[in-house]
């Protein structure tokens, strides 16, 4: 695995941690978002958006 691929994987891991942290903070601050289904869906949608951007930027078809 090349160094560039390792850096991309590290960046994705950091973005995932940032998204999960943001969702946890939002659930903590806003009581109406305290449902685990709402938090889970928000996390999955955010991760899918990040992966879609990465895949579209890489040019993989």
N, C-alpha and C. Protein backbone atom coordinates (compact mmCIF):
# COMPACT_ATOMS: atom_id res chain seq x y z
N UNK A 1 0.85 -1.16 0.00
CA UNK A 1 0.00 0.00 0.00
C UNK A 1 0.91 1.24 0.00
N UNK A 2 0.59 2.17 -0.86
CA UNK A 2 1.43 3.36 -0.98
C UNK A 2 1.19 4.32 0.18
N UNK A 3 2.09 5.26 0.29
CA UNK A 3 1.99 6.25 1.36
C UNK A 3 0.75 7.11 1.14
N UNK A 4 0.45 7.43 -0.09
CA UNK A 4 -0.73 8.24 -0.37
C UNK A 4 -2.01 7.52 0.05
N UNK A 5 -2.10 6.23 -0.21
CA UNK A 5 -3.27 5.46 0.20
C UNK A 5 -3.40 5.42 1.72
N UNK A 6 -2.28 5.28 2.40
CA UNK A 6 -2.32 5.29 3.87
C UNK A 6 -2.77 6.64 4.41
N UNK A 7 -2.32 7.72 3.76
CA UNK A 7 -2.76 9.04 4.20
C UNK A 7 -4.25 9.26 3.96
N UNK A 8 -4.76 8.74 2.86
CA UNK A 8 -6.20 8.85 2.58
C UNK A 8 -7.00 8.07 3.61
N UNK A 9 -6.55 6.89 3.95
CA UNK A 9 -7.23 6.09 4.97
C UNK A 9 -7.19 6.81 6.32
N UNK A 10 -6.05 7.38 6.67
CA UNK A 10 -5.95 8.12 7.93
C UNK A 10 -6.88 9.32 7.92
N UNK A 11 -6.96 10.02 6.81
CA UNK A 11 -7.86 11.16 6.71
C UNK A 11 -9.32 10.73 6.85
N UNK A 12 -9.69 9.62 6.23
CA UNK A 12 -11.06 9.13 6.36
C UNK A 12 -11.38 8.74 7.80
N UNK A 13 -10.43 8.13 8.48
CA UNK A 13 -10.65 7.77 9.89
C UNK A 13 -10.84 9.02 10.73
N UNK A 14 -10.04 10.05 10.48
CA UNK A 14 -10.19 11.28 11.24
C UNK A 14 -11.52 11.97 10.95
N UNK A 15 -11.97 11.93 9.71
CA UNK A 15 -13.26 12.52 9.35
C UNK A 15 -14.40 11.75 10.01
N UNK A 16 -14.29 10.44 10.03
CA UNK A 16 -15.32 9.62 10.68
C UNK A 16 -15.39 9.96 12.17
N UNK A 17 -14.24 10.09 12.82
CA UNK A 17 -14.24 10.45 14.24
C UNK A 17 -14.83 11.84 14.46
N UNK A 18 -14.54 12.77 13.55
CA UNK A 18 -15.09 14.11 13.66
C UNK A 18 -16.61 14.10 13.50
N UNK A 19 -17.12 13.33 12.56
CA UNK A 19 -18.57 13.25 12.33
C UNK A 19 -19.26 12.61 13.52
N UNK A 20 -18.71 11.51 14.00
CA UNK A 20 -19.32 10.83 15.15
C UNK A 20 -19.29 11.75 16.37
N UNK A 21 -18.20 12.45 16.57
CA UNK A 21 -18.12 13.40 17.68
C UNK A 21 -19.15 14.52 17.57
N UNK A 22 -19.34 15.02 16.35
CA UNK A 22 -20.33 16.08 16.13
C UNK A 22 -21.74 15.58 16.41
N UNK A 23 -22.05 14.36 15.99
CA UNK A 23 -23.38 13.81 16.25
C UNK A 23 -23.58 13.58 17.75
N UNK A 24 -22.56 13.07 18.42
CA UNK A 24 -22.67 12.87 19.87
C UNK A 24 -22.88 14.20 20.58
N UNK A 25 -22.15 15.23 20.15
CA UNK A 25 -22.32 16.56 20.75
C UNK A 25 -23.72 17.11 20.49
N UNK A 26 -24.22 16.94 19.26
CA UNK A 26 -25.56 17.44 18.93
C UNK A 26 -26.63 16.73 19.75
N UNK A 27 -26.48 15.42 19.94
CA UNK A 27 -27.44 14.67 20.75
C UNK A 27 -27.37 15.13 22.20
N UNK A 28 -26.16 15.43 22.65
CA UNK A 28 -26.00 15.89 24.03
C UNK A 28 -26.62 17.27 24.24
N UNK A 29 -26.50 18.16 23.26
CA UNK A 29 -26.97 19.53 23.41
C UNK A 29 -28.46 19.70 23.13
N UNK A 30 -29.00 18.89 22.23
CA UNK A 30 -30.40 19.07 21.83
C UNK A 30 -31.21 17.84 22.25
N UNK A 31 -32.05 17.96 23.25
CA UNK A 31 -32.79 16.79 23.77
C UNK A 31 -33.73 16.15 22.75
N UNK A 32 -34.18 16.91 21.76
CA UNK A 32 -35.10 16.32 20.80
C UNK A 32 -34.40 15.33 19.86
N UNK A 33 -33.07 15.34 19.81
CA UNK A 33 -32.32 14.42 18.95
C UNK A 33 -31.81 13.20 19.72
N UNK A 34 -32.37 12.94 20.89
CA UNK A 34 -31.80 11.91 21.74
C UNK A 34 -32.15 10.48 21.33
N UNK A 35 -32.95 10.33 20.28
CA UNK A 35 -33.26 8.98 19.83
C UNK A 35 -32.08 8.34 19.15
N UNK A 36 -31.77 7.11 19.49
CA UNK A 36 -30.63 6.44 18.86
C UNK A 36 -30.81 6.26 17.36
N UNK A 37 -32.05 6.13 16.92
CA UNK A 37 -32.29 5.97 15.48
C UNK A 37 -31.95 7.26 14.75
N UNK A 38 -32.35 8.38 15.31
CA UNK A 38 -32.04 9.68 14.69
C UNK A 38 -30.54 9.91 14.63
N UNK A 39 -29.84 9.63 15.71
CA UNK A 39 -28.39 9.81 15.74
C UNK A 39 -27.70 8.85 14.77
N UNK A 40 -28.16 7.63 14.72
CA UNK A 40 -27.57 6.65 13.81
C UNK A 40 -27.77 7.02 12.36
N UNK A 41 -28.97 7.46 12.03
CA UNK A 41 -29.26 7.85 10.64
C UNK A 41 -28.43 9.07 10.25
N UNK A 42 -28.31 10.04 11.15
CA UNK A 42 -27.51 11.23 10.87
C UNK A 42 -26.05 10.87 10.64
N UNK A 43 -25.52 9.95 11.43
CA UNK A 43 -24.14 9.53 11.27
C UNK A 43 -23.93 8.80 9.95
N UNK A 44 -24.82 7.89 9.62
CA UNK A 44 -24.69 7.13 8.38
C UNK A 44 -24.81 8.04 7.16
N UNK A 45 -25.73 8.99 7.20
CA UNK A 45 -25.89 9.91 6.07
C UNK A 45 -24.65 10.77 5.91
N UNK A 46 -24.09 11.26 7.00
CA UNK A 46 -22.88 12.09 6.91
C UNK A 46 -21.69 11.28 6.39
N UNK A 47 -21.55 10.05 6.83
CA UNK A 47 -20.46 9.21 6.35
C UNK A 47 -20.64 8.87 4.87
N UNK A 48 -21.87 8.62 4.45
CA UNK A 48 -22.13 8.35 3.03
C UNK A 48 -21.79 9.56 2.17
N UNK A 49 -22.09 10.75 2.67
CA UNK A 49 -21.77 11.96 1.92
C UNK A 49 -20.26 12.14 1.78
N UNK A 50 -19.52 11.88 2.85
CA UNK A 50 -18.07 11.99 2.79
C UNK A 50 -17.49 10.97 1.82
N UNK A 51 -17.96 9.74 1.91
CA UNK A 51 -17.46 8.70 1.00
C UNK A 51 -17.82 9.00 -0.45
N UNK A 52 -18.99 9.55 -0.70
CA UNK A 52 -19.36 9.90 -2.06
C UNK A 52 -18.46 10.98 -2.63
N UNK A 53 -18.11 11.95 -1.82
CA UNK A 53 -17.19 13.00 -2.26
C UNK A 53 -15.81 12.43 -2.56
N UNK A 54 -15.32 11.55 -1.69
CA UNK A 54 -14.00 10.96 -1.89
C UNK A 54 -13.97 10.10 -3.14
N UNK A 55 -15.01 9.30 -3.34
CA UNK A 55 -15.05 8.42 -4.51
C UNK A 55 -15.19 9.23 -5.79
N UNK A 56 -16.02 10.28 -5.76
CA UNK A 56 -16.17 11.09 -6.97
C UNK A 56 -14.90 11.87 -7.28
N UNK A 57 -14.17 12.27 -6.26
CA UNK A 57 -12.93 13.01 -6.49
C UNK A 57 -11.81 12.09 -6.99
N UNK A 58 -11.88 10.82 -6.63
CA UNK A 58 -10.83 9.90 -7.07
C UNK A 58 -11.00 9.46 -8.51
N UNK A 59 -12.17 9.63 -9.07
CA UNK A 59 -12.39 9.27 -10.47
C UNK A 59 -12.68 7.79 -10.69
N UNK A 60 -12.97 7.04 -9.65
CA UNK A 60 -13.30 5.62 -9.79
C UNK A 60 -14.68 5.49 -10.39
N UNK A 61 -14.80 4.61 -11.40
CA UNK A 61 -16.10 4.44 -12.05
C UNK A 61 -16.65 3.05 -11.82
